Protein backbone atom coordinates (compact mmCIF):
# COMPACT_ATOMS: atom_id res chain seq x y z
CA UNK A 1 0.00 0.00 0.00
CA UNK A 2 1.37 3.40 -0.93
CA UNK A 3 1.96 6.23 1.49
CA UNK A 4 -0.53 9.10 1.61
CA UNK A 5 1.40 12.33 1.12
CA UNK A 6 -1.39 14.58 -0.06
CA UNK A 7 -5.20 14.68 -0.15
CA UNK A 8 -4.99 13.67 -3.82
CA UNK A 9 -3.69 10.27 -2.68
CA UNK A 10 -6.94 9.59 -0.79
CA UNK A 11 -9.18 7.13 -2.63
CA UNK A 12 -12.26 8.84 -1.20
CA UNK A 13 -11.12 12.16 -2.73
CA UNK A 14 -10.43 10.47 -6.08
CA UNK A 15 -13.93 8.94 -6.07
CA UNK A 16 -15.37 12.35 -5.20
CA UNK A 17 -13.63 13.86 -8.21
CA UNK A 18 -14.99 11.07 -10.41
CA UNK A 19 -18.51 11.77 -9.14
CA UNK A 20 -18.12 15.48 -9.86
CA UNK A 21 -16.82 14.83 -13.36
CA UNK A 22 -19.75 12.51 -14.12
CA UNK A 23 -22.18 15.13 -12.82
CA UNK A 24 -20.72 17.82 -15.05
CA UNK A 25 -21.07 15.56 -18.09
CA UNK A 26 -24.61 14.58 -17.09
CA UNK A 27 -25.81 18.15 -16.68
CA UNK A 28 -24.43 19.24 -20.06
CA UNK A 29 -27.47 17.56 -21.60
CA UNK A 30 -30.00 19.30 -19.31
CA UNK A 31 -32.18 22.02 -20.87
CA UNK A 32 -30.76 25.54 -20.84
CA UNK A 33 -33.57 26.76 -18.57
CA UNK A 34 -32.15 24.48 -15.86
CA UNK A 35 -28.70 26.13 -16.00
CA UNK A 36 -29.29 28.30 -12.92
CA UNK A 37 -31.39 25.80 -11.04
CA UNK A 38 -30.88 22.03 -11.16
CA UNK A 39 -27.60 22.16 -13.12
CA UNK A 40 -26.10 24.57 -10.60
CA UNK A 41 -27.41 22.56 -7.63
CA UNK A 42 -25.97 19.28 -8.93
CA UNK A 43 -22.62 20.79 -9.84
CA UNK A 44 -22.20 22.65 -6.55
CA UNK A 45 -23.18 19.72 -4.34
CA UNK A 46 -20.98 17.29 -6.30
CA UNK A 47 -17.96 19.62 -6.21
CA UNK A 48 -18.49 20.11 -2.47
CA UNK A 49 -17.76 16.42 -1.81
CA UNK A 50 -14.06 16.31 -2.80
CA UNK A 51 -13.56 19.93 -1.74
CA UNK A 52 -14.60 19.19 1.85
CA UNK A 53 -12.54 16.01 1.92
CA UNK A 54 -9.48 18.02 0.81
CA UNK A 55 -10.17 20.85 3.25
CA UNK A 56 -10.64 18.45 6.15
CA UNK A 57 -7.44 16.62 5.28
CA UNK A 58 -5.57 19.91 5.57
CA UNK A 59 -6.86 20.62 9.07
CA UNK A 60 -4.69 20.11 12.12
CA UNK A 61 -6.90 17.79 14.14
CA UNK A 62 -8.72 14.56 13.49
CA UNK A 63 -11.85 16.18 14.94
CA UNK A 64 -11.77 18.88 12.27
CA UNK A 65 -11.16 16.24 9.60
CA UNK A 66 -14.14 14.23 10.84
CA UNK A 67 -16.31 17.36 10.77
CA UNK A 68 -15.43 18.02 7.14
CA UNK A 69 -16.07 14.38 6.25
CA UNK A 70 -19.50 14.83 7.84
CA UNK A 71 -20.10 17.88 5.66
CA UNK A 72 -19.05 15.85 2.60
CA UNK A 73 -21.58 13.17 3.63
CA UNK A 74 -24.27 15.84 3.75
CA UNK A 75 -23.30 16.90 0.23
CA UNK A 76 -23.59 13.28 -0.88
CA UNK A 77 -27.17 13.16 0.43
CA UNK A 78 -27.96 16.50 -1.19
CA UNK A 79 -26.55 15.39 -4.53
CA UNK A 80 -28.41 12.07 -4.45
CA UNK A 81 -31.64 13.99 -3.83
CA UNK A 82 -31.02 16.32 -6.79
CA UNK A 83 -30.19 13.38 -9.07
CA UNK A 84 -33.29 11.43 -8.06
CA UNK A 85 -35.47 14.52 -8.49
CA UNK A 86 -33.95 15.17 -11.92
CA UNK A 87 -34.85 11.64 -12.91
CA UNK A 88 -38.37 11.97 -11.50
CA UNK A 89 -39.14 15.16 -13.43
CA UNK A 90 -37.72 13.83 -16.69
CA UNK A 91 -34.42 15.70 -16.93
CA UNK A 92 -32.56 12.39 -17.11
CA UNK A 93 -33.22 8.67 -16.97
CA UNK A 94 -32.32 5.96 -14.45
CA UNK A 95 -29.50 4.75 -16.67
CA UNK A 96 -28.01 8.26 -16.71
CA UNK A 97 -27.60 8.45 -12.94
CA UNK A 98 -27.11 4.83 -11.87
CA UNK A 99 -23.29 4.91 -12.03
CA UNK A 100 -23.22 8.14 -10.01
CA UNK A 101 -25.63 6.75 -7.42
CA UNK A 102 -23.47 3.64 -7.15
CA UNK A 103 -20.35 5.75 -6.48
CA UNK A 104 -22.25 7.79 -3.89
CA UNK A 105 -23.25 4.63 -2.05
CA UNK A 106 -19.74 3.22 -2.28
C-alpha atoms as a PDB file:
ATOM      1  CA  UNK A   1       0.000   0.000   0.000  1.00  0.00           C
ATOM      2  CA  UNK A   2       1.375   3.398  -0.932  1.00  0.00           C
ATOM      3  CA  UNK A   3       1.960   6.234   1.486  1.00  0.00           C
ATOM      4  CA  UNK A   4      -0.525   9.100   1.608  1.00  0.00           C
ATOM      5  CA  UNK A   5       1.398  12.334   1.122  1.00  0.00           C
ATOM      6  CA  UNK A   6      -1.391  14.585  -0.063  1.00  0.00           C
ATOM      7  CA  UNK A   7      -5.199  14.677  -0.153  1.00  0.00           C
ATOM      8  CA  UNK A   8      -4.993  13.671  -3.820  1.00  0.00           C
ATOM      9  CA  UNK A   9      -3.691  10.273  -2.682  1.00  0.00           C
ATOM     10  CA  UNK A  10      -6.939   9.592  -0.790  1.00  0.00           C
ATOM     11  CA  UNK A  11      -9.182   7.132  -2.632  1.00  0.00           C
ATOM     12  CA  UNK A  12     -12.256   8.842  -1.197  1.00  0.00           C
ATOM     13  CA  UNK A  13     -11.122  12.164  -2.727  1.00  0.00           C
ATOM     14  CA  UNK A  14     -10.431  10.466  -6.085  1.00  0.00           C
ATOM     15  CA  UNK A  15     -13.935   8.944  -6.065  1.00  0.00           C
ATOM     16  CA  UNK A  16     -15.374  12.350  -5.198  1.00  0.00           C
ATOM     17  CA  UNK A  17     -13.632  13.859  -8.209  1.00  0.00           C
ATOM     18  CA  UNK A  18     -14.991  11.067 -10.409  1.00  0.00           C
ATOM     19  CA  UNK A  19     -18.514  11.766  -9.144  1.00  0.00           C
ATOM     20  CA  UNK A  20     -18.122  15.480  -9.856  1.00  0.00           C
ATOM     21  CA  UNK A  21     -16.817  14.831 -13.355  1.00  0.00           C
ATOM     22  CA  UNK A  22     -19.745  12.512 -14.121  1.00  0.00           C
ATOM     23  CA  UNK A  23     -22.177  15.129 -12.816  1.00  0.00           C
ATOM     24  CA  UNK A  24     -20.722  17.819 -15.047  1.00  0.00           C
ATOM     25  CA  UNK A  25     -21.070  15.560 -18.086  1.00  0.00           C
ATOM     26  CA  UNK A  26     -24.609  14.576 -17.095  1.00  0.00           C
ATOM     27  CA  UNK A  27     -25.813  18.152 -16.677  1.00  0.00           C
ATOM     28  CA  UNK A  28     -24.430  19.238 -20.061  1.00  0.00           C
ATOM     29  CA  UNK A  29     -27.471  17.558 -21.599  1.00  0.00           C
ATOM     30  CA  UNK A  30     -30.000  19.300 -19.314  1.00  0.00           C
ATOM     31  CA  UNK A  31     -32.185  22.021 -20.874  1.00  0.00           C
ATOM     32  CA  UNK A  32     -30.758  25.543 -20.839  1.00  0.00           C
ATOM     33  CA  UNK A  33     -33.572  26.762 -18.569  1.00  0.00           C
ATOM     34  CA  UNK A  34     -32.150  24.481 -15.855  1.00  0.00           C
ATOM     35  CA  UNK A  35     -28.700  26.130 -15.996  1.00  0.00           C
ATOM     36  CA  UNK A  36     -29.291  28.296 -12.921  1.00  0.00           C
ATOM     37  CA  UNK A  37     -31.387  25.796 -11.039  1.00  0.00           C
ATOM     38  CA  UNK A  38     -30.878  22.026 -11.161  1.00  0.00           C
ATOM     39  CA  UNK A  39     -27.601  22.162 -13.117  1.00  0.00           C
ATOM     40  CA  UNK A  40     -26.102  24.569 -10.602  1.00  0.00           C
ATOM     41  CA  UNK A  41     -27.407  22.555  -7.632  1.00  0.00           C
ATOM     42  CA  UNK A  42     -25.967  19.279  -8.935  1.00  0.00           C
ATOM     43  CA  UNK A  43     -22.616  20.788  -9.838  1.00  0.00           C
ATOM     44  CA  UNK A  44     -22.202  22.653  -6.548  1.00  0.00           C
ATOM     45  CA  UNK A  45     -23.180  19.717  -4.343  1.00  0.00           C
ATOM     46  CA  UNK A  46     -20.981  17.294  -6.297  1.00  0.00           C
ATOM     47  CA  UNK A  47     -17.955  19.622  -6.206  1.00  0.00           C
ATOM     48  CA  UNK A  48     -18.490  20.107  -2.474  1.00  0.00           C
ATOM     49  CA  UNK A  49     -17.756  16.419  -1.815  1.00  0.00           C
ATOM     50  CA  UNK A  50     -14.059  16.305  -2.805  1.00  0.00           C
ATOM     51  CA  UNK A  51     -13.556  19.930  -1.740  1.00  0.00           C
ATOM     52  CA  UNK A  52     -14.604  19.186   1.850  1.00  0.00           C
ATOM     53  CA  UNK A  53     -12.535  16.013   1.921  1.00  0.00           C
ATOM     54  CA  UNK A  54      -9.483  18.015   0.811  1.00  0.00           C
ATOM     55  CA  UNK A  55     -10.174  20.850   3.246  1.00  0.00           C
ATOM     56  CA  UNK A  56     -10.642  18.451   6.147  1.00  0.00           C
ATOM     57  CA  UNK A  57      -7.443  16.620   5.283  1.00  0.00           C
ATOM     58  CA  UNK A  58      -5.571  19.913   5.574  1.00  0.00           C
ATOM     59  CA  UNK A  59      -6.858  20.621   9.072  1.00  0.00           C
ATOM     60  CA  UNK A  60      -4.685  20.111  12.124  1.00  0.00           C
ATOM     61  CA  UNK A  61      -6.900  17.794  14.138  1.00  0.00           C
ATOM     62  CA  UNK A  62      -8.725  14.556  13.486  1.00  0.00           C
ATOM     63  CA  UNK A  63     -11.847  16.177  14.942  1.00  0.00           C
ATOM     64  CA  UNK A  64     -11.767  18.877  12.272  1.00  0.00           C
ATOM     65  CA  UNK A  65     -11.157  16.245   9.600  1.00  0.00           C
ATOM     66  CA  UNK A  66     -14.140  14.227  10.837  1.00  0.00           C
ATOM     67  CA  UNK A  67     -16.314  17.360  10.775  1.00  0.00           C
ATOM     68  CA  UNK A  68     -15.425  18.022   7.136  1.00  0.00           C
ATOM     69  CA  UNK A  69     -16.066  14.378   6.248  1.00  0.00           C
ATOM     70  CA  UNK A  70     -19.498  14.831   7.842  1.00  0.00           C
ATOM     71  CA  UNK A  71     -20.098  17.884   5.664  1.00  0.00           C
ATOM     72  CA  UNK A  72     -19.054  15.848   2.596  1.00  0.00           C
ATOM     73  CA  UNK A  73     -21.575  13.167   3.633  1.00  0.00           C
ATOM     74  CA  UNK A  74     -24.274  15.840   3.753  1.00  0.00           C
ATOM     75  CA  UNK A  75     -23.304  16.904   0.227  1.00  0.00           C
ATOM     76  CA  UNK A  76     -23.592  13.281  -0.884  1.00  0.00           C
ATOM     77  CA  UNK A  77     -27.167  13.156   0.426  1.00  0.00           C
ATOM     78  CA  UNK A  78     -27.962  16.503  -1.191  1.00  0.00           C
ATOM     79  CA  UNK A  79     -26.549  15.389  -4.533  1.00  0.00           C
ATOM     80  CA  UNK A  80     -28.407  12.072  -4.450  1.00  0.00           C
ATOM     81  CA  UNK A  81     -31.644  13.986  -3.830  1.00  0.00           C
ATOM     82  CA  UNK A  82     -31.020  16.323  -6.787  1.00  0.00           C
ATOM     83  CA  UNK A  83     -30.191  13.379  -9.071  1.00  0.00           C
ATOM     84  CA  UNK A  84     -33.293  11.431  -8.063  1.00  0.00           C
ATOM     85  CA  UNK A  85     -35.473  14.523  -8.485  1.00  0.00           C
ATOM     86  CA  UNK A  86     -33.949  15.170 -11.922  1.00  0.00           C
ATOM     87  CA  UNK A  87     -34.848  11.638 -12.912  1.00  0.00           C
ATOM     88  CA  UNK A  88     -38.369  11.967 -11.497  1.00  0.00           C
ATOM     89  CA  UNK A  89     -39.135  15.161 -13.426  1.00  0.00           C
ATOM     90  CA  UNK A  90     -37.716  13.827 -16.686  1.00  0.00           C
ATOM     91  CA  UNK A  91     -34.423  15.700 -16.933  1.00  0.00           C
ATOM     92  CA  UNK A  92     -32.563  12.386 -17.111  1.00  0.00           C
ATOM     93  CA  UNK A  93     -33.224   8.665 -16.970  1.00  0.00           C
ATOM     94  CA  UNK A  94     -32.321   5.960 -14.447  1.00  0.00           C
ATOM     95  CA  UNK A  95     -29.502   4.754 -16.675  1.00  0.00           C
ATOM     96  CA  UNK A  96     -28.012   8.263 -16.713  1.00  0.00           C
ATOM     97  CA  UNK A  97     -27.595   8.451 -12.944  1.00  0.00           C
ATOM     98  CA  UNK A  98     -27.106   4.832 -11.873  1.00  0.00           C
ATOM     99  CA  UNK A  99     -23.289   4.910 -12.034  1.00  0.00           C
ATOM    100  CA  UNK A 100     -23.216   8.143 -10.014  1.00  0.00           C
ATOM    101  CA  UNK A 101     -25.631   6.753  -7.424  1.00  0.00           C
ATOM    102  CA  UNK A 102     -23.469   3.635  -7.153  1.00  0.00           C
ATOM    103  CA  UNK A 103     -20.354   5.748  -6.481  1.00  0.00           C
ATOM    104  CA  UNK A 104     -22.251   7.795  -3.887  1.00  0.00           C
ATOM    105  CA  UNK A 105     -23.251   4.629  -2.048  1.00  0.00           C
ATOM    106  CA  UNK A 106     -19.745   3.218  -2.278  1.00  0.00           C
END
